[in-house]
Amino acid sequence: MLLRAAVGTAAPQARIPALGAAELVGAALDAFAADPQLLTAQRDRIRLLLIDDAQQLDPQAAGWFERWRQAPISP
């Protein structure tokens, strides 16, 4: 979204590349590591997270969930 605002929606640079599931999880982990307040804010916003077939999570996705689970919740 910031890129689109910077270059305009018609510019070729505004295209967002397709990401796979592993890339999305990795990007979320990187964002949470860079900004711990982002994780806390998202944890406050989403109070309940259900995961279907958790036994099939890969190590990276399991790490994301563990980080999410341990994040503080504002009172």
C-alpha atoms as a PDB file:
ATOM      1  CA  MET A   1       0.000   0.000   0.000  1.00  0.00           C
ATOM      2  CA  LEU A   2       2.832   2.411   0.803  1.00  0.00           C
ATOM      3  CA  LEU A   3       4.450   1.640  -2.541  1.00  0.00           C
ATOM      4  CA  ARG A   4       1.228   2.416  -4.366  1.00  0.00           C
ATOM      5  CA  ALA A   5       0.914   5.713  -2.513  1.00  0.00           C
ATOM      6  CA  ALA A   6       4.507   6.606  -3.390  1.00  0.00           C
ATOM      7  CA  VAL A   7       4.404   5.836  -7.130  1.00  0.00           C
ATOM      8  CA  GLY A   8       0.694   5.863  -7.984  1.00  0.00           C
ATOM      9  CA  THR A   9      -1.518   2.895  -8.773  1.00  0.00           C
ATOM     10  CA  ALA A  10      -0.912   3.028 -12.537  1.00  0.00           C
ATOM     11  CA  ALA A  11       2.878   2.797 -12.232  1.00  0.00           C
ATOM     12  CA  PRO A  12       4.468  -0.585 -12.993  1.00  0.00           C
ATOM     13  CA  GLN A  13       6.329  -0.395  -9.662  1.00  0.00           C
ATOM     14  CA  ALA A  14       2.969  -0.518  -7.859  1.00  0.00           C
ATOM     15  CA  ARG A  15       2.448  -4.175  -8.694  1.00  0.00           C
ATOM     16  CA  ILE A  16       2.695  -6.477  -5.711  1.00  0.00           C
ATOM     17  CA  PRO A  17       4.422  -9.772  -6.495  1.00  0.00           C
ATOM     18  CA  ALA A  18       2.619 -12.993  -5.656  1.00  0.00           C
ATOM     19  CA  LEU A  19       3.883 -14.608  -2.464  1.00  0.00           C
ATOM     20  CA  GLY A  20       3.683 -18.224  -1.405  1.00  0.00           C
ATOM     21  CA  ALA A  21       2.515 -19.321   2.029  1.00  0.00           C
ATOM     22  CA  ALA A  22       6.082 -19.727   3.324  1.00  0.00           C
ATOM     23  CA  GLU A  23       6.997 -16.241   2.092  1.00  0.00           C
ATOM     24  CA  LEU A  24       3.936 -14.740   3.806  1.00  0.00           C
ATOM     25  CA  VAL A  25       4.756 -16.459   7.095  1.00  0.00           C
ATOM     26  CA  GLY A  26       8.384 -15.379   6.802  1.00  0.00           C
ATOM     27  CA  ALA A  27       7.355 -11.791   6.090  1.00  0.00           C
ATOM     28  CA  ALA A  28       5.053 -11.799   9.129  1.00  0.00           C
ATOM     29  CA  LEU A  29       7.830 -13.172  11.352  1.00  0.00           C
ATOM     30  CA  ASP A  30      10.235 -10.517  10.042  1.00  0.00           C
ATOM     31  CA  ALA A  31       7.682  -7.753  10.634  1.00  0.00           C
ATOM     32  CA  PHE A  32       6.975  -8.966  14.175  1.00  0.00           C
ATOM     33  CA  ALA A  33      10.711  -9.183  14.928  1.00  0.00           C
ATOM     34  CA  ALA A  34      11.312  -5.674  13.593  1.00  0.00           C
ATOM     35  CA  ASP A  35       8.367  -4.138  15.456  1.00  0.00           C
ATOM     36  CA  PRO A  36       7.258  -5.927  18.653  1.00  0.00           C
ATOM     37  CA  GLN A  37       4.449  -3.393  19.073  1.00  0.00           C
ATOM     38  CA  LEU A  38       2.974  -4.587  15.775  1.00  0.00           C
ATOM     39  CA  LEU A  39       2.667  -8.095  17.187  1.00  0.00           C
ATOM     40  CA  THR A  40       1.051  -6.784  20.368  1.00  0.00           C
ATOM     41  CA  ALA A  41      -1.372  -4.635  18.365  1.00  0.00           C
ATOM     42  CA  GLN A  42      -2.385  -7.574  16.181  1.00  0.00           C
ATOM     43  CA  ARG A  43      -2.717  -9.819  19.222  1.00  0.00           C
ATOM     44  CA  ASP A  44      -5.042  -7.232  20.793  1.00  0.00           C
ATOM     45  CA  ARG A  45      -7.068  -7.005  17.592  1.00  0.00           C
ATOM     46  CA  ILE A  46      -7.465 -10.752  17.093  1.00  0.00           C
ATOM     47  CA  ARG A  47      -8.333 -12.335  20.437  1.00  0.00           C
ATOM     48  CA  LEU A  48      -9.045 -15.847  19.146  1.00  0.00           C
ATOM     49  CA  LEU A  49      -7.107 -17.694  16.461  1.00  0.00           C
ATOM     50  CA  LEU A  50      -8.186 -21.191  15.461  1.00  0.00           C
ATOM     51  CA  ILE A  51      -5.843 -23.429  13.496  1.00  0.00           C
ATOM     52  CA  ASP A  52      -7.216 -26.440  11.658  1.00  0.00           C
ATOM     53  CA  ASP A  53      -4.859 -29.396  11.100  1.00  0.00           C
ATOM     54  CA  ALA A  54      -2.123 -27.954  13.321  1.00  0.00           C
ATOM     55  CA  GLN A  55      -0.297 -31.284  13.132  1.00  0.00           C
ATOM     56  CA  GLN A  56       0.541 -30.384   9.526  1.00  0.00           C
ATOM     57  CA  LEU A  57       2.202 -27.041  10.310  1.00  0.00           C
ATOM     58  CA  ASP A  58       5.736 -26.747   8.998  1.00  0.00           C
ATOM     59  CA  PRO A  59       8.411 -25.546  11.454  1.00  0.00           C
ATOM     60  CA  GLN A  60       8.239 -21.960  10.205  1.00  0.00           C
ATOM     61  CA  ALA A  61       4.436 -21.762  10.588  1.00  0.00           C
ATOM     62  CA  ALA A  62       4.660 -23.434  13.996  1.00  0.00           C
ATOM     63  CA  GLY A  63       7.236 -20.801  14.993  1.00  0.00           C
ATOM     64  CA  TRP A  64       4.853 -18.057  13.881  1.00  0.00           C
ATOM     65  CA  PHE A  65       2.053 -19.525  15.959  1.00  0.00           C
ATOM     66  CA  GLU A  66       4.316 -19.931  18.996  1.00  0.00           C
ATOM     67  CA  ARG A  67       5.419 -16.311  18.711  1.00  0.00           C
ATOM     68  CA  TRP A  68       1.766 -15.250  18.408  1.00  0.00           C
ATOM     69  CA  ARG A  69       0.779 -17.347  21.415  1.00  0.00           C
ATOM     70  CA  GLN A  70       3.468 -15.813  23.621  1.00  0.00           C
ATOM     71  CA  ALA A  71       2.711 -12.201  22.668  1.00  0.00           C
ATOM     72  CA  PRO A  72       1.354 -10.053  25.472  1.00  0.00           C
ATOM     73  CA  ILE A  73      -2.273  -8.978  25.430  1.00  0.00           C
ATOM     74  CA  SER A  74      -3.096  -5.468  26.580  1.00  0.00           C
ATOM     75  CA  PRO A  75      -5.470  -5.313  29.556  1.00  0.00           C
END
